[in-house]
Amino acid sequence: EILSGLVGSEMCIRDSAYKVSYNSLTQLLSREEFRDRLEKKIKESKNLPKDSGAEAQESSFARSLAVVALDIDHFKQVNDTWGHLYGDQVLRAFAQRLENCAKKIIQTEDGDIEILLAHPSGEEFVILILANALREQFFSWADEFRKEISDSLMPSEIEWAMLSKDGGTGSLIPPPLKERAVTCLLYTSPSPRDQRGS
């Protein structure tokens, strides 16, 4: 019984730690966990000698990091029109697209890049990119994430089927394709709000 209690307590601690570290809806890093990891990466980059390490020898560029902030424009209108349950599925699809894009970038760069994804709150998402690359390359990666989000309806029919299979949608029926197109255009169409930070 004592051993069982200890195991149970350890599992509860791990479960609590996971809940604190990750957003419960999208399973991306939470605000606090992202902040802690960002601070750690900044300290590591400051303490890393410029001319040491395998990465420095293999690359002619210094190890750099960039933070990309994204949000879903007019997301309140999505919730007000179709309800919060549907809005949650949009957030899950958004997070999944970020994860898919991150995997593609990492595979393309052959591992010489690290990407962390976070969902601090609401419709806000944050991406941390670490790599031996020039400033222009970071802008290019950021644009890949933007295109992954904005170039097609969300959730797509395939994404909706996957979300439904995972559960959580109940008997929810997504908006008709025509209506969904309008909803998505409101927050994914290119606009002056698509800005690159310095």
Protein backbone atom coordinates (compact mmCIF):
# COMPACT_ATOMS: atom_id res chain seq x y z
CA GLU A 1 0.00 0.00 0.00
CA ILE A 2 2.87 2.37 0.82
CA LEU A 3 4.54 1.64 -2.53
CA SER A 4 1.22 2.12 -4.31
CA GLY A 5 0.76 5.44 -2.54
CA LEU A 6 4.24 6.61 -3.51
CA VAL A 7 3.69 5.66 -7.14
CA GLY A 8 0.34 7.41 -7.12
CA SER A 9 1.85 10.55 -5.61
CA GLU A 10 4.65 10.60 -8.18
CA MET A 11 2.15 10.24 -11.01
CA CYS A 12 0.10 13.12 -9.60
CA ILE A 13 3.21 15.30 -9.40
CA ARG A 14 4.15 14.48 -12.99
CA ASP A 15 0.60 15.13 -14.15
CA SER A 16 0.53 18.48 -12.35
CA ALA A 17 3.90 19.44 -13.83
CA TYR A 18 2.67 18.57 -17.32
CA LYS A 19 -0.48 20.64 -16.86
CA VAL A 20 1.63 23.63 -15.80
CA SER A 21 4.08 23.21 -18.68
CA TYR A 22 1.62 22.73 -21.53
CA ASN A 23 -1.58 24.34 -22.72
CA SER A 24 -4.38 21.89 -21.99
CA LEU A 25 -6.20 22.57 -25.28
CA THR A 26 -3.40 22.60 -27.86
CA GLN A 27 -0.64 20.74 -25.96
CA LEU A 28 1.84 23.48 -26.88
CA LEU A 29 4.09 25.06 -24.25
CA SER A 30 2.37 27.26 -21.68
CA ARG A 31 3.27 30.92 -21.11
CA GLU A 32 5.38 30.18 -18.04
CA GLU A 33 7.19 27.20 -19.56
CA PHE A 34 7.98 29.13 -22.74
CA ARG A 35 9.30 32.08 -20.76
CA ASP A 36 11.53 29.80 -18.66
CA ARG A 37 12.93 28.03 -21.72
CA LEU A 38 13.46 31.31 -23.55
CA GLU A 39 15.42 32.74 -20.62
CA LYS A 40 17.49 29.56 -20.48
CA LYS A 41 18.26 29.69 -24.21
CA ILE A 42 19.27 33.35 -23.98
CA LYS A 43 21.66 32.59 -21.11
CA GLU A 44 23.10 29.64 -23.02
CA SER A 45 23.69 31.75 -26.12
CA LYS A 46 25.47 34.43 -24.10
CA ASN A 47 27.75 31.88 -22.45
CA LEU A 48 28.55 30.00 -25.67
CA PRO A 49 32.04 30.85 -27.06
CA LYS A 50 31.72 32.06 -30.64
CA ASP A 51 34.53 29.84 -31.93
CA SER A 52 33.79 26.61 -30.06
CA GLY A 53 31.50 23.65 -30.49
CA ALA A 54 30.67 21.38 -33.40
CA GLU A 55 27.90 23.66 -34.65
CA ALA A 56 30.18 26.66 -34.82
CA GLN A 57 32.77 24.66 -36.75
CA GLU A 58 30.21 23.39 -39.23
CA SER A 59 28.51 26.75 -39.81
CA SER A 60 29.86 30.16 -40.82
CA PHE A 61 27.01 31.88 -38.94
CA ALA A 62 26.70 32.55 -35.22
CA ARG A 63 24.01 30.79 -33.24
CA SER A 64 21.05 33.17 -33.13
CA LEU A 65 17.48 33.10 -31.92
CA ALA A 66 14.24 34.76 -32.97
CA VAL A 67 10.81 34.99 -31.38
CA VAL A 68 7.78 35.10 -33.67
CA ALA A 69 4.39 36.14 -32.25
CA LEU A 70 1.17 35.20 -34.02
CA ASP A 71 -2.49 35.70 -33.27
CA ILE A 72 -5.76 34.96 -34.99
CA ASP A 73 -7.31 38.20 -36.20
CA HIS A 74 -10.96 38.73 -35.31
CA PHE A 75 -11.07 35.49 -33.34
CA LYS A 76 -13.74 36.93 -31.04
CA GLN A 77 -16.04 37.08 -34.06
CA VAL A 78 -15.42 33.38 -34.68
CA ASN A 79 -16.48 32.57 -31.11
CA ASP A 80 -19.44 34.95 -31.18
CA THR A 81 -20.72 33.54 -34.48
CA TRP A 82 -20.11 29.80 -34.12
CA GLY A 83 -19.55 29.31 -30.39
CA HIS A 84 -16.55 28.63 -28.16
CA LEU A 85 -16.53 24.90 -28.83
CA TYR A 86 -15.97 25.52 -32.53
CA GLY A 87 -13.42 28.22 -31.65
CA ASP A 88 -11.51 25.65 -29.62
CA GLN A 89 -11.25 23.41 -32.68
CA VAL A 90 -9.89 26.32 -34.70
CA LEU A 91 -7.19 26.83 -32.05
CA ARG A 92 -6.33 23.12 -32.11
CA ALA A 93 -6.08 23.16 -35.90
CA PHE A 94 -3.92 26.30 -35.72
CA ALA A 95 -1.55 24.59 -33.27
CA GLN A 96 -1.38 21.45 -35.41
CA ARG A 97 -0.41 23.48 -38.46
CA LEU A 98 2.37 25.17 -36.50
CA GLU A 99 3.66 21.76 -35.40
CA ASN A 100 3.53 20.42 -38.96
CA CYS A 101 5.40 23.43 -40.30
CA ALA A 102 8.04 23.19 -37.56
CA LYS A 103 8.64 19.52 -38.41
CA LYS A 104 9.02 20.32 -42.12
CA ILE A 105 11.51 23.11 -41.43
CA ILE A 106 13.58 20.96 -39.07
CA GLN A 107 13.67 18.10 -41.58
CA THR A 108 14.69 20.46 -44.38
CA GLU A 109 17.49 21.99 -42.31
CA ASP A 110 18.81 18.55 -41.34
CA GLY A 111 18.61 19.17 -37.61
CA ASP A 112 20.65 22.40 -37.44
CA ILE A 113 17.67 24.26 -36.00
CA GLU A 114 15.58 24.16 -32.84
CA ILE A 115 11.95 25.31 -32.72
CA LEU A 116 9.73 25.72 -29.67
CA LEU A 117 5.99 26.38 -29.98
CA ALA A 118 3.85 27.95 -27.29
CA HIS A 119 0.20 28.84 -26.76
CA PRO A 120 0.25 31.45 -23.96
CA SER A 121 -3.47 32.22 -23.99
CA GLY A 122 -6.53 32.79 -26.13
CA GLU A 123 -5.67 33.30 -29.80
CA GLU A 124 -2.01 34.13 -29.11
CA PHE A 125 0.81 31.82 -30.20
CA VAL A 126 4.58 32.20 -29.95
CA ILE A 127 7.45 30.52 -31.80
CA LEU A 128 11.10 30.41 -30.73
CA ILE A 129 13.61 29.58 -33.47
CA LEU A 130 17.28 28.89 -32.75
CA ALA A 131 19.72 28.30 -35.60
CA ASN A 132 23.04 29.17 -37.18
CA ALA A 133 21.57 31.44 -39.81
CA LEU A 134 21.32 34.96 -41.15
CA ARG A 135 18.54 37.37 -40.24
CA GLU A 136 16.90 36.93 -43.66
CA GLN A 137 16.60 33.17 -43.10
CA PHE A 138 14.67 33.73 -39.88
CA PHE A 139 12.25 35.98 -41.78
CA SER A 140 11.87 33.24 -44.37
CA TRP A 141 11.03 30.64 -41.72
CA ALA A 142 8.53 33.00 -40.11
CA ASP A 143 6.86 33.44 -43.49
CA GLU A 144 6.61 29.67 -43.87
CA PHE A 145 4.61 29.54 -40.65
CA ARG A 146 2.36 32.37 -41.86
CA LYS A 147 1.68 30.59 -45.14
CA GLU A 148 0.95 27.31 -43.36
CA ILE A 149 -1.81 29.12 -41.50
CA SER A 150 -3.21 31.47 -44.13
CA ASP A 151 -3.05 29.59 -47.43
CA SER A 152 -6.10 27.36 -46.88
CA LEU A 153 -9.36 27.14 -44.94
CA MET A 154 -9.11 26.23 -41.28
CA PRO A 155 -10.09 23.75 -40.08
CA SER A 156 -9.98 21.95 -43.40
CA GLU A 157 -12.22 18.93 -43.97
CA ILE A 158 -9.30 16.61 -43.23
CA GLU A 159 -8.40 18.53 -40.05
CA TRP A 160 -12.02 18.49 -38.91
CA ALA A 161 -12.19 14.73 -39.37
CA MET A 162 -9.05 14.30 -37.26
CA LEU A 163 -10.33 16.65 -34.56
CA SER A 164 -13.62 14.74 -34.43
CA LYS A 165 -11.78 11.43 -34.14
CA ASP A 166 -9.74 12.77 -31.20
CA GLY A 167 -12.95 13.66 -29.40
CA GLY A 168 -14.13 16.85 -27.80
CA THR A 169 -16.44 17.98 -30.60
CA GLY A 170 -19.46 15.91 -29.63
CA SER A 171 -22.30 16.51 -32.08
CA LEU A 172 -20.82 19.84 -33.19
CA ILE A 173 -21.28 20.49 -36.89
CA PRO A 174 -18.76 22.88 -38.50
CA PRO A 175 -20.02 25.89 -40.46
CA PRO A 176 -20.91 25.28 -44.11
CA LEU A 177 -17.92 25.57 -46.42
CA LYS A 178 -19.08 28.93 -47.78
CA GLU A 179 -19.57 30.38 -44.32
CA ARG A 180 -16.32 28.88 -43.10
CA ALA A 181 -14.47 30.53 -45.99
CA VAL A 182 -15.71 33.94 -44.86
CA THR A 183 -14.78 33.22 -41.24
CA CYS A 184 -11.30 32.12 -42.17
CA LEU A 185 -10.69 35.04 -44.48
CA LEU A 186 -11.38 37.38 -41.61
CA TYR A 187 -8.35 36.20 -39.67
CA THR A 188 -6.01 34.54 -42.16
CA SER A 189 -6.02 36.78 -45.22
CA PRO A 190 -2.81 38.80 -45.77
CA SER A 191 -3.20 42.31 -44.40
CA PRO A 192 -1.12 45.22 -43.05
CA ARG A 193 -1.24 43.37 -39.72
CA ASP A 194 1.21 40.81 -41.14
CA GLN A 195 4.32 42.64 -39.99
CA ARG A 196 7.92 41.62 -39.46
CA GLY A 197 9.64 42.70 -36.27
CA SER A 198 13.11 44.13 -36.15
